[in-house]
Structures are given as structure tokens and as C-alpha cells.
């Protein structure tokens, strides 16, 4: 499965490194620059699936880069990053062609989630074929799963269970809810069956464990490092 290409345009080096770390963990290949002119060149060379664009950058402003990128492509997803939080600035960014807008400071987990949402809206056909979270990648069409590039062997039930979690990352589901959503005929299946398959899924995924147990509540696909 090919990695999704992210072009990050951010001239704050520590912030750019932090963003890069979290997006690479989420399965993206990141190309980054802090210069507006170079961003326009890289956009032609890399052909990114998504652009994360800071408003205040060196050379050409982020808002002008956004305008020029939008002239080139009406479908390229663009998410703007900025310390500007005033309503008129948000409106200006969106009117220039940005698909979404997030102000600093933000949590890396929220940024990755918002970026994924922008991609799904812009390219729903790709979202229907592929799911990913924290290095886990599921190709629905090819029926393959990888973690950090390494293929995983899953049984049919573990496949359905992981797909459900990948479609709803961070959300806690009780054993009963998982039975109803993952097992085709759950009426005659005991709740402890869920625990057995959770254990098998964890063994297949390996460490660090991404399936979080929530006491008295259930299970969730949750990477604390993305929080």
C-alpha cells in the first residue's frame, strides 16, 4: 500500500518536527518546507494527497500559496495552520481555497484527525478503500493489513474487529456493542468471546498495544502517543 503524501509548509522547525513525527506515525510520508516558493515547487514534484499550510511563512505568504495551489487544482485538500483566530481571518482562509482551518495551539491528535477528515471529504473513493491509524494500514480492496510497513496475518473475525476499530478510533465500545457490530450472528455468542478475539488481535498487531482496555466499559483503538 502506497503511503499518503503530505506536504507540510511550516517554518517553525520544532513544530514542524512534532507534526512530522505524528503524521509519520499515522502512516503518512511527509515532505516539508518553511518557504512559500519552495512549497509551490514541491507541490508539483511530490503530488501530495494533502497540504498542511501555515499562514505565516517565509517568502510568499501561506494565504498566497493557498490561492495559487487552488488555481492549479480544485481537488487538492488544503488544511491551514495559523495563530490567527479571528473570524475574518478564518473566513479569508476558507474563501482563498482552504478546506479547513485549525488555530494554534492544537493537539497533534486533533490535527491528524482533522487532516483525515479533510481527505475523506475530498477523496471519498480513497477513504472507502483504505483505513489507517498510528501506523496501522488496512487495504479494504486488497484485504491486507500492515503495521509500520510489515504485513499482519489476521483471521476473519480479527479482520472485522480491526476494521471496526479503525473506522472509529478513540471510541470505547462495550463487549455487547462489539458483538452486535462485528459478529454477523451474535445472539448465541458469549461476551467472553470478544475477549478471546481481542487477545488474538493484540498478538497479531504486536507491541506497543493499541487496543486499550477501559475498565468496566470495554475496548478502544487508542494510541496515547497521539494524544
Protein backbone atom coordinates (compact mmCIF):
# COMPACT_ATOMS: atom_id res chain seq x y z
CA UNK A 1 0.00 0.00 0.00
CA UNK A 2 1.40 3.32 -1.03
CA UNK A 3 1.82 5.90 1.68
CA UNK A 4 -0.26 9.03 1.51
CA UNK A 5 1.89 12.01 0.63
CA UNK A 6 1.72 15.03 2.92
CA UNK A 7 3.28 18.38 2.08
CA UNK A 8 3.89 20.34 5.30
CA UNK A 9 4.60 24.05 4.91
CA UNK A 10 5.70 25.34 8.32
CA UNK A 11 8.75 27.48 9.16
CA UNK A 12 8.70 26.83 12.92
CA UNK A 13 11.21 23.94 12.98
CA UNK A 14 10.29 22.41 16.38
CA UNK A 15 6.60 22.50 15.47
CA UNK A 16 7.31 21.07 12.02
CA UNK A 17 9.28 18.22 13.58
CA UNK A 18 6.45 17.49 16.01
CA UNK A 19 3.85 17.46 13.25
CA UNK A 20 6.08 15.28 11.08
CA UNK A 21 6.53 12.76 13.89
CA UNK A 22 2.81 12.34 14.46
CA UNK A 23 1.87 12.14 10.80
CA UNK A 24 4.58 9.59 10.06
CA UNK A 25 3.24 7.52 12.96
CA UNK A 26 -0.18 7.78 11.34
CA UNK A 27 1.18 6.35 8.09
CA UNK A 28 1.97 9.45 6.02
CA UNK A 29 5.10 10.19 4.01
CA UNK A 30 5.94 13.80 4.93
CA UNK A 31 7.76 16.34 2.77
CA UNK A 32 8.27 19.65 4.50
CA UNK A 33 9.46 23.17 3.86
CA UNK A 34 9.17 26.54 5.52
CA UNK A 35 9.35 28.56 2.31
CA UNK A 36 6.39 29.50 0.16
CA UNK A 37 8.25 29.45 -3.18
CA UNK A 38 9.68 26.03 -2.44
CA UNK A 39 6.25 24.79 -1.37
CA UNK A 40 4.87 25.56 -4.82
CA UNK A 41 7.75 23.69 -6.45
CA UNK A 42 7.40 20.70 -4.13
CA UNK A 43 3.67 20.55 -4.78
CA UNK A 44 4.48 19.90 -8.45
CA UNK A 45 7.22 17.36 -7.67
CA UNK A 46 5.63 15.41 -4.81
CA UNK A 47 2.00 15.47 -5.97
CA UNK A 48 0.77 15.47 -2.35
CA UNK A 49 -2.52 13.95 -1.25
CA UNK A 50 -2.83 16.72 1.36
CA UNK A 51 -1.20 20.07 2.14
CA UNK A 52 -0.80 21.43 5.68
CA UNK A 53 -0.07 25.11 5.22
CA UNK A 54 0.92 27.69 7.80
CA UNK A 55 -0.34 31.22 7.26
CA UNK A 56 2.89 33.00 8.29
CA UNK A 57 5.85 31.56 6.36
CA UNK A 58 8.99 32.82 4.63
CA UNK A 59 8.74 34.32 1.16
CA UNK A 60 5.27 34.05 -0.30
CA UNK A 61 2.59 34.09 2.39
CA UNK A 62 0.61 30.96 3.19
CA UNK A 63 -2.58 32.59 2.00
CA UNK A 64 -0.99 33.31 -1.40
CA UNK A 65 0.41 29.77 -1.61
CA UNK A 66 -3.10 28.50 -0.92
CA UNK A 67 -4.53 30.72 -3.65
CA UNK A 68 -2.00 29.50 -6.22
CA UNK A 69 -2.40 25.85 -5.29
CA UNK A 70 -6.14 26.16 -5.63
CA UNK A 71 -5.75 27.65 -9.11
CA UNK A 72 -3.74 24.57 -10.10
CA UNK A 73 -6.14 22.07 -8.60
CA UNK A 74 -9.70 22.34 -7.39
CA UNK A 75 -9.49 18.97 -5.63
CA UNK A 76 -6.20 19.17 -3.69
CA UNK A 77 -7.08 19.07 0.06
CA UNK A 78 -5.56 22.04 1.93
CA UNK A 79 -5.62 22.48 5.71
CA UNK A 80 -4.36 25.82 7.02
CA UNK A 81 -2.43 26.16 10.29
CA UNK A 82 -2.15 29.54 11.95
CA UNK A 83 -2.09 31.52 15.16
CA UNK A 84 -4.71 33.80 13.66
CA UNK A 85 -8.00 33.06 15.36
CA UNK A 86 -10.20 35.97 14.37
CA UNK A 87 -13.34 35.15 12.42
CA UNK A 88 -12.42 37.36 9.47
CA UNK A 89 -9.07 35.57 9.14
CA UNK A 90 -10.74 32.17 9.19
CA UNK A 91 -13.22 33.31 6.56
CA UNK A 92 -10.43 34.73 4.41
CA UNK A 93 -8.54 31.45 4.56
CA UNK A 94 -11.58 29.45 3.56
CA UNK A 95 -12.52 31.86 0.80
CA UNK A 96 -8.99 31.63 -0.58
CA UNK A 97 -9.46 27.89 -1.04
CA UNK A 98 -8.56 26.14 2.20
CA UNK A 99 -10.74 23.12 3.01
CA UNK A 100 -10.36 23.54 6.76
CA UNK A 101 -8.64 25.76 9.30
CA UNK A 102 -7.06 24.99 12.67
CA UNK A 103 -5.57 27.57 15.02
CA UNK A 104 -2.50 27.21 17.22
CA UNK A 105 -2.06 25.81 19.75
CA UNK A 106 -3.64 22.49 18.78
CA UNK A 107 -3.17 18.89 19.83
CA UNK A 108 -1.34 16.66 17.32
CA UNK A 109 -4.10 14.06 17.73
CA UNK A 110 -6.75 16.59 16.70
CA UNK A 111 -4.63 17.74 13.77
CA UNK A 112 -4.20 14.18 12.44
CA UNK A 113 -7.93 13.58 12.85
CA UNK A 114 -8.88 16.83 11.10
CA UNK A 115 -6.47 16.08 8.26
CA UNK A 116 -8.02 12.64 7.85
CA UNK A 117 -11.48 14.19 7.76
CA UNK A 118 -10.41 16.65 5.06
CA UNK A 119 -9.01 13.78 2.99
CA UNK A 120 -12.18 11.73 3.36
CA UNK A 121 -14.34 14.64 2.26
CA UNK A 122 -12.12 15.49 -0.67
CA UNK A 123 -11.48 11.93 -1.85
CA UNK A 124 -14.22 9.65 -0.58
CA UNK A 125 -13.28 6.91 -3.05
CA UNK A 126 -9.89 6.53 -1.35
CA UNK A 127 -11.38 6.62 2.12
CA UNK A 128 -13.62 3.72 1.16
CA UNK A 129 -10.60 1.65 0.11
CA UNK A 130 -8.19 2.31 2.95
CA UNK A 131 -8.18 2.83 6.71
CA UNK A 132 -5.22 3.77 8.86
CA UNK A 133 -4.31 4.84 12.36
CA UNK A 134 -0.98 5.10 14.22
CA UNK A 135 0.95 3.07 11.66
CA UNK A 136 -1.81 0.50 11.12
CA UNK A 137 -2.96 0.36 7.48
CA UNK A 138 -5.88 -1.66 6.16
CA UNK A 139 -6.42 -2.02 2.43
CA UNK A 140 -10.09 -2.97 2.10
CA UNK A 141 -9.87 -3.89 -1.59
CA UNK A 142 -6.70 -6.00 -1.38
CA UNK A 143 -7.73 -7.37 2.03
CA UNK A 144 -4.32 -6.67 3.53
CA UNK A 145 -3.17 -5.17 6.83
CA UNK A 146 0.22 -3.72 7.69
CA UNK A 147 1.75 -2.10 10.71
CA UNK A 148 4.69 0.20 10.08
CA UNK A 149 5.07 -1.44 6.68
CA UNK A 150 5.06 -5.03 7.98
CA UNK A 151 2.28 -7.38 6.85
CA UNK A 152 -0.01 -8.82 9.53
CA UNK A 153 -1.85 -12.14 9.40
CA UNK A 154 -5.41 -11.81 10.71
CA UNK A 155 -8.26 -14.27 10.92
CA UNK A 156 -11.69 -13.25 9.55
CA UNK A 157 -13.05 -12.18 12.93
CA UNK A 158 -9.90 -10.24 13.85
CA UNK A 159 -10.13 -8.53 10.45
CA UNK A 160 -13.70 -7.40 11.08
CA UNK A 161 -12.82 -6.34 14.62
CA UNK A 162 -9.85 -4.27 13.50
CA UNK A 163 -11.84 -2.71 10.67
CA UNK A 164 -14.49 -1.61 13.15
CA UNK A 165 -11.86 -0.06 15.42
CA UNK A 166 -10.11 1.68 12.52
CA UNK A 167 -13.41 3.17 11.41
CA UNK A 168 -13.97 4.51 14.94
CA UNK A 169 -10.57 5.30 16.52
CA UNK A 170 -10.58 6.51 20.10
CA UNK A 171 -14.17 5.49 20.77
CA UNK A 172 -14.85 2.99 23.55
CA UNK A 173 -17.12 0.03 22.78
CA UNK A 174 -18.53 -2.42 25.29
CA UNK A 175 -18.32 -6.16 24.65
CA UNK A 176 -22.03 -6.21 23.81
CA UNK A 177 -21.65 -3.38 21.31
CA UNK A 178 -18.73 -5.14 19.66
CA UNK A 179 -20.73 -8.36 19.39
CA UNK A 180 -23.58 -6.51 17.71
CA UNK A 181 -21.31 -4.66 15.26
CA UNK A 182 -18.65 -7.26 14.43
CA UNK A 183 -20.30 -10.69 14.70
CA UNK A 184 -22.92 -11.43 11.98
CA UNK A 185 -25.00 -13.60 14.32
CA UNK A 186 -24.32 -12.51 17.89
CA UNK A 187 -27.37 -13.87 19.71
CA UNK A 188 -25.76 -17.17 20.69
CA UNK A 189 -22.23 -15.84 21.31
CA UNK A 190 -20.95 -15.24 24.81
CA UNK A 191 -19.41 -11.93 25.81
CA UNK A 192 -16.11 -13.57 26.73
CA UNK A 193 -15.71 -14.47 23.04
CA UNK A 194 -14.91 -10.80 22.48
CA UNK A 195 -12.04 -11.01 24.96
CA UNK A 196 -10.59 -14.04 23.13
CA UNK A 197 -10.54 -12.24 19.79
CA UNK A 198 -9.25 -9.02 21.31
CA UNK A 199 -6.35 -11.05 22.69
CA UNK A 200 -5.70 -12.59 19.26
CA UNK A 201 -5.85 -9.19 17.61
CA UNK A 202 -3.38 -7.77 20.10
CA UNK A 203 -0.99 -10.65 19.44
CA UNK A 204 -1.21 -10.06 15.69
CA UNK A 205 -0.68 -6.30 16.00
CA UNK A 206 2.23 -6.62 18.44
CA UNK A 207 3.71 -4.01 20.75
CA UNK A 208 3.09 -1.29 21.65
CA UNK A 209 -0.51 -2.28 22.30
CA UNK A 210 -3.02 -0.04 20.51
CA UNK A 211 -6.13 -1.77 21.87
CA UNK A 212 -6.89 -0.02 25.14
CA UNK A 213 -8.91 -1.75 27.85
CA UNK A 214 -11.26 0.64 29.62
CA UNK A 215 -12.23 -0.86 32.94
CA UNK A 216 -15.96 -1.54 33.29
CA UNK A 217 -16.53 -0.03 29.85
CA UNK A 218 -14.90 -2.05 27.07
CA UNK A 219 -12.20 -1.54 24.45
CA UNK A 220 -10.92 1.21 22.16
CA UNK A 221 -8.29 1.65 19.46
CA UNK A 222 -6.26 4.39 21.05
CA UNK A 223 -2.61 5.44 20.75
CA UNK A 224 -1.72 7.55 23.79
CA UNK A 225 1.33 8.94 21.97
CA UNK A 226 -1.05 10.72 19.58
CA UNK A 227 -2.86 12.45 22.44
